[in-house]
Amino acid sequence: MGRLRQKSCTLCQQFEPVLYRIQYDQSNQWVFVCYCCWEKVSPNNPNYVYGGTWKAKK
């Protein structure tokens, strides 16, 4: 049985079971965002880089 971890979206602060590790601005900092925020910052973004998926259930 997997353990349940918690992490919140960097942008909206909501706790989600799946977060996406991305870079989305010129700071080149890695952040974790939920699907909703990911949909807002990724399209047509020249600074967007996908870095993997984080899941609460491991």
PDB file of N, CA and C in Angstrom:
ATOM      1  N   MET A   1       0.844  -1.188   0.000  1.00  0.00           N
ATOM      2  CA  MET A   1       0.000   0.000   0.000  1.00  0.00           C
ATOM      3  C   MET A   1       0.883   1.243   0.000  1.00  0.00           C
ATOM      4  N   GLY A   2       0.615   2.173  -0.927  1.00  0.00           N
ATOM      5  CA  GLY A   2       1.422   3.381  -1.048  1.00  0.00           C
ATOM      6  C   GLY A   2       1.086   4.413   0.016  1.00  0.00           C
ATOM      7  N   ARG A   3       2.039   5.255   0.266  1.00  0.00           N
ATOM      8  CA  ARG A   3       1.789   6.314   1.236  1.00  0.00           C
ATOM      9  C   ARG A   3       1.286   7.555   0.509  1.00  0.00           C
ATOM     10  N   LEU A   4       0.516   8.376   1.205  1.00  0.00           N
ATOM     11  CA  LEU A   4      -0.055   9.573   0.620  1.00  0.00           C
ATOM     12  C   LEU A   4       0.729  10.788   1.088  1.00  0.00           C
ATOM     13  N   ARG A   5       1.247  11.542   0.133  1.00  0.00           N
ATOM     14  CA  ARG A   5       2.021  12.741   0.445  1.00  0.00           C
ATOM     15  C   ARG A   5       1.199  13.965   0.057  1.00  0.00           C
ATOM     16  N   GLN A   6       1.601  15.142   0.556  1.00  0.00           N
ATOM     17  CA  GLN A   6       0.881  16.357   0.219  1.00  0.00           C
ATOM     18  C   GLN A   6       1.830  17.417  -0.296  1.00  0.00           C
ATOM     19  N   LYS A   7       1.392  18.122  -1.334  1.00  0.00           N
ATOM     20  CA  LYS A   7       2.150  19.229  -1.892  1.00  0.00           C
ATOM     21  C   LYS A   7       1.135  20.152  -2.547  1.00  0.00           C
ATOM     22  N   SER A   8       1.359  21.453  -2.445  1.00  0.00           N
ATOM     23  CA  SER A   8       0.411  22.394  -3.035  1.00  0.00           C
ATOM     24  C   SER A   8       0.978  23.026  -4.301  1.00  0.00           C
ATOM     25  N   CYS A   9       0.066  23.496  -5.140  1.00  0.00           N
ATOM     26  CA  CYS A   9       0.427  24.198  -6.363  1.00  0.00           C
ATOM     27  C   CYS A   9       1.118  25.506  -5.997  1.00  0.00           C
ATOM     28  N   THR A  10       2.220  25.796  -6.649  1.00  0.00           N
ATOM     29  CA  THR A  10       2.974  27.021  -6.390  1.00  0.00           C
ATOM     30  C   THR A  10       2.153  28.266  -6.721  1.00  0.00           C
ATOM     31  N   LEU A  11       1.293  28.177  -7.709  1.00  0.00           N
ATOM     32  CA  LEU A  11       0.555  29.359  -8.165  1.00  0.00           C
ATOM     33  C   LEU A  11      -0.755  29.583  -7.425  1.00  0.00           C
ATOM     34  N   CYS A  12      -1.580  28.548  -7.264  1.00  0.00           N
ATOM     35  CA  CYS A  12      -2.898  28.743  -6.631  1.00  0.00           C
ATOM     36  C   CYS A  12      -2.979  28.218  -5.202  1.00  0.00           C
ATOM     37  N   GLN A  13      -1.943  27.529  -4.747  1.00  0.00           N
ATOM     38  CA  GLN A  13      -1.840  27.005  -3.383  1.00  0.00           C
ATOM     39  C   GLN A  13      -2.792  25.846  -3.064  1.00  0.00           C
ATOM     40  N   GLN A  14      -3.491  25.307  -4.063  1.00  0.00           N
ATOM     41  CA  GLN A  14      -4.393  24.181  -3.835  1.00  0.00           C
ATOM     42  C   GLN A  14      -3.598  22.884  -3.720  1.00  0.00           C
ATOM     43  N   PHE A  15      -4.014  22.018  -2.799  1.00  0.00           N
ATOM     44  CA  PHE A  15      -3.411  20.692  -2.683  1.00  0.00           C
ATOM     45  C   PHE A  15      -4.048  19.793  -3.733  1.00  0.00           C
ATOM     46  N   GLU A  16      -3.219  19.159  -4.547  1.00  0.00           N
ATOM     47  CA  GLU A  16      -3.699  18.300  -5.626  1.00  0.00           C
ATOM     48  C   GLU A  16      -2.944  16.975  -5.595  1.00  0.00           C
ATOM     49  N   PRO A  17      -3.583  15.885  -6.073  1.00  0.00           N
ATOM     50  CA  PRO A  17      -2.908  14.581  -6.071  1.00  0.00           C
ATOM     51  C   PRO A  17      -1.839  14.454  -7.150  1.00  0.00           C
ATOM     52  N   VAL A  18      -1.906  15.310  -8.176  1.00  0.00           N
ATOM     53  CA  VAL A  18      -0.914  15.299  -9.259  1.00  0.00           C
ATOM     54  C   VAL A  18      -0.496  16.737  -9.536  1.00  0.00           C
ATOM     55  N   LEU A  19       0.818  16.962  -9.565  1.00  0.00           N
ATOM     56  CA  LEU A  19       1.362  18.278  -9.906  1.00  0.00           C
ATOM     57  C   LEU A  19       2.413  18.103 -10.990  1.00  0.00           C
ATOM     58  N   TYR A  20       2.619  19.157 -11.766  1.00  0.00           N
ATOM     59  CA  TYR A  20       3.575  19.125 -12.868  1.00  0.00           C
ATOM     60  C   TYR A  20       4.752  20.039 -12.547  1.00  0.00           C
ATOM     61  N   ARG A  21       5.946  19.503 -12.680  1.00  0.00           N
ATOM     62  CA  ARG A  21       7.166  20.276 -12.427  1.00  0.00           C
ATOM     63  C   ARG A  21       7.512  21.006 -13.716  1.00  0.00           C
ATOM     64  N   ILE A  22       7.494  22.332 -13.647  1.00  0.00           N
ATOM     65  CA  ILE A  22       7.715  23.118 -14.858  1.00  0.00           C
ATOM     66  C   ILE A  22       8.563  24.360 -14.576  1.00  0.00           C
ATOM     67  N   GLN A  23       9.074  24.927 -15.648  1.00  0.00           N
ATOM     68  CA  GLN A  23       9.624  26.275 -15.647  1.00  0.00           C
ATOM     69  C   GLN A  23       8.720  27.053 -16.598  1.00  0.00           C
ATOM     70  N   TYR A  24       8.302  28.254 -16.212  1.00  0.00           N
ATOM     71  CA  TYR A  24       7.369  28.973 -17.076  1.00  0.00           C
ATOM     72  C   TYR A  24       7.710  30.448 -17.273  1.00  0.00           C
ATOM     73  N   ASP A  25       8.790  30.930 -16.638  1.00  0.00           N
ATOM     74  CA  ASP A  25       9.180  32.318 -16.835  1.00  0.00           C
ATOM     75  C   ASP A  25      10.700  32.419 -16.960  1.00  0.00           C
ATOM     76  N   GLN A  26      11.202  33.625 -17.067  1.00  0.00           N
ATOM     77  CA  GLN A  26      12.629  33.825 -17.307  1.00  0.00           C
ATOM     78  C   GLN A  26      13.511  33.542 -16.100  1.00  0.00           C
ATOM     79  N   SER A  27      12.908  33.308 -14.938  1.00  0.00           N
ATOM     80  CA  SER A  27      13.704  33.001 -13.740  1.00  0.00           C
ATOM     81  C   SER A  27      14.341  31.617 -13.824  1.00  0.00           C
ATOM     82  N   ASN A  28      13.809  30.752 -14.690  1.00  0.00           N
ATOM     83  CA  ASN A  28      14.280  29.366 -14.829  1.00  0.00           C
ATOM     84  C   ASN A  28      14.173  28.564 -13.539  1.00  0.00           C
ATOM     85  N   GLN A  29      13.301  28.982 -12.633  1.00  0.00           N
ATOM     86  CA  GLN A  29      13.076  28.230 -11.392  1.00  0.00           C
ATOM     87  C   GLN A  29      12.053  27.133 -11.651  1.00  0.00           C
ATOM     88  N   TRP A  30      12.315  25.971 -11.054  1.00  0.00           N
ATOM     89  CA  TRP A  30      11.369  24.863 -11.154  1.00  0.00           C
ATOM     90  C   TRP A  30      10.273  25.069 -10.120  1.00  0.00           C
ATOM     91  N   VAL A  31       9.019  24.905 -10.529  1.00  0.00           N
ATOM     92  CA  VAL A  31       7.875  25.008  -9.628  1.00  0.00           C
ATOM     93  C   VAL A  31       6.942  23.840  -9.900  1.00  0.00           C
ATOM     94  N   PHE A  32       6.068  23.556  -8.941  1.00  0.00           N
ATOM     95  CA  PHE A  32       5.051  22.522  -9.097  1.00  0.00           C
ATOM     96  C   PHE A  32       3.698  23.194  -9.252  1.00  0.00           C
ATOM     97  N   VAL A  33       2.988  22.869 -10.330  1.00  0.00           N
ATOM     98  CA  VAL A  33       1.688  23.470 -10.587  1.00  0.00           C
ATOM     99  C   VAL A  33       0.633  22.400 -10.837  1.00  0.00           C
ATOM    100  N   CYS A  34      -0.618  22.726 -10.504  1.00  0.00           N
ATOM    101  CA  CYS A  34      -1.733  21.813 -10.750  1.00  0.00           C
ATOM    102  C   CYS A  34      -2.110  21.862 -12.224  1.00  0.00           C
ATOM    103  N   TYR A  35      -2.999  20.983 -12.640  1.00  0.00           N
ATOM    104  CA  TYR A  35      -3.405  20.910 -14.037  1.00  0.00           C
ATOM    105  C   TYR A  35      -4.026  22.218 -14.510  1.00  0.00           C
ATOM    106  N   CYS A  36      -4.873  22.812 -13.686  1.00  0.00           N
ATOM    107  CA  CYS A  36      -5.558  24.048 -14.047  1.00  0.00           C
ATOM    108  C   CYS A  36      -4.545  25.167 -14.313  1.00  0.00           C
ATOM    109  N   CYS A  37      -3.592  25.348 -13.430  1.00  0.00           N
ATOM    110  CA  CYS A  37      -2.572  26.382 -13.615  1.00  0.00           C
ATOM    111  C   CYS A  37      -1.637  26.029 -14.769  1.00  0.00           C
ATOM    112  N   TRP A  38      -1.347  24.761 -14.941  1.00  0.00           N
ATOM    113  CA  TRP A  38      -0.504  24.312 -16.052  1.00  0.00           C
ATOM    114  C   TRP A  38      -1.133  24.698 -17.392  1.00  0.00           C
ATOM    115  N   GLU A  39      -2.466  24.531 -17.495  1.00  0.00           N
ATOM    116  CA  GLU A  39      -3.172  24.903 -18.720  1.00  0.00           C
ATOM    117  C   GLU A  39      -3.069  26.393 -19.014  1.00  0.00           C
ATOM    118  N   LYS A  40      -2.938  27.212 -17.979  1.00  0.00           N
ATOM    119  CA  LYS A  40      -2.871  28.665 -18.146  1.00  0.00           C
ATOM    120  C   LYS A  40      -1.482  29.147 -18.547  1.00  0.00           C
ATOM    121  N   VAL A  41      -0.431  28.522 -18.032  1.00  0.00           N
ATOM    122  CA  VAL A  41       0.921  29.045 -18.267  1.00  0.00           C
ATOM    123  C   VAL A  41       1.693  28.351 -19.393  1.00  0.00           C
ATOM    124  N   SER A  42       1.258  27.187 -19.835  1.00  0.00           N
ATOM    125  CA  SER A  42       2.049  26.451 -20.827  1.00  0.00           C
ATOM    126  C   SER A  42       1.815  26.815 -22.295  1.00  0.00           C
ATOM    127  N   PRO A  43       0.584  27.131 -22.733  1.00  0.00           N
ATOM    128  CA  PRO A  43       0.392  27.361 -24.170  1.00  0.00           C
ATOM    129  C   PRO A  43       1.152  28.598 -24.684  1.00  0.00           C
ATOM    130  N   ASN A  44       1.776  28.436 -25.827  1.00  0.00           N
ATOM    131  CA  ASN A  44       2.477  29.535 -26.505  1.00  0.00           C
ATOM    132  C   ASN A  44       3.469  30.266 -25.605  1.00  0.00           C
ATOM    133  N   ASN A  45       4.102  29.544 -24.693  1.00  0.00           N
ATOM    134  CA  ASN A  45       5.043  30.143 -23.753  1.00  0.00           C
ATOM    135  C   ASN A  45       6.463  29.708 -24.120  1.00  0.00           C
ATOM    136  N   PRO A  46       7.289  30.636 -24.620  1.00  0.00           N
ATOM    137  CA  PRO A  46       8.652  30.264 -25.022  1.00  0.00           C
ATOM    138  C   PRO A  46       9.543  29.865 -23.836  1.00  0.00           C
ATOM    139  N   ASN A  47       9.147  30.222 -22.614  1.00  0.00           N
ATOM    140  CA  ASN A  47       9.923  29.880 -21.416  1.00  0.00           C
ATOM    141  C   ASN A  47       9.494  28.556 -20.790  1.00  0.00           C
ATOM    142  N   TYR A  48       8.445  27.933 -21.329  1.00  0.00           N
ATOM    143  CA  TYR A  48       7.896  26.714 -20.740  1.00  0.00           C
ATOM    144  C   TYR A  48       8.822  25.520 -20.945  1.00  0.00           C
ATOM    145  N   VAL A  49       9.098  24.819 -19.821  1.00  0.00           N
ATOM    146  CA  VAL A  49       9.859  23.574 -19.856  1.00  0.00           C
ATOM    147  C   VAL A  49       9.173  22.600 -18.905  1.00  0.00           C
ATOM    148  N   TYR A  50       8.882  21.401 -19.397  1.00  0.00           N
ATOM    149  CA  TYR A  50       8.275  20.344 -18.564  1.00  0.00           C
ATOM    150  C   TYR A  50       9.392  19.553 -17.894  1.00  0.00           C
ATOM    151  N   GLY A  51       9.226  19.292 -16.588  1.00  0.00           N
ATOM    152  CA  GLY A  51      10.276  18.580 -15.866  1.00  0.00           C
ATOM    153  C   GLY A  51       9.815  17.342 -15.140  1.00  0.00           C
ATOM    154  N   GLY A  52       8.590  16.874 -15.404  1.00  0.00           N
ATOM    155  CA  GLY A  52       8.140  15.654 -14.770  1.00  0.00           C
ATOM    156  C   GLY A  52       6.835  15.841 -14.022  1.00  0.00           C
ATOM    157  N   THR A  53       6.309  14.734 -13.539  1.00  0.00           N
ATOM    158  CA  THR A  53       5.030  14.727 -12.826  1.00  0.00           C
ATOM    159  C   THR A  53       5.235  14.220 -11.409  1.00  0.00           C
ATOM    160  N   TRP A  54       4.653  14.915 -10.445  1.00  0.00           N
ATOM    161  CA  TRP A  54       4.714  14.519  -9.045  1.00  0.00           C
ATOM    162  C   TRP A  54       3.354  13.957  -8.677  1.00  0.00           C
ATOM    163  N   LYS A  55       3.348  12.798  -8.008  1.00  0.00           N
ATOM    164  CA  LYS A  55       2.085  12.174  -7.598  1.00  0.00           C
ATOM    165  C   LYS A  55       2.059  11.964  -6.094  1.00  0.00           C
ATOM    166  N   ALA A  56       0.913  12.275  -5.484  1.00  0.00           N
ATOM    167  CA  ALA A  56       0.769  12.158  -4.043  1.00  0.00           C
ATOM    168  C   ALA A  56       0.867  10.711  -3.589  1.00  0.00           C
ATOM    169  N   LYS A  57       0.348   9.808  -4.391  1.00  0.00           N
ATOM    170  CA  LYS A  57       0.362   8.383  -4.027  1.00  0.00           C
ATOM    171  C   LYS A  57       1.601   7.750  -4.608  1.00  0.00           C
ATOM    172  N   LYS A  58       2.469   7.274  -3.743  1.00  0.00           N
ATOM    173  CA  LYS A  58       3.731   6.694  -4.184  1.00  0.00           C
ATOM    174  C   LYS A  58       3.784   5.221  -3.866  1.00  0.00           C
TER     175      LYS A  58
END
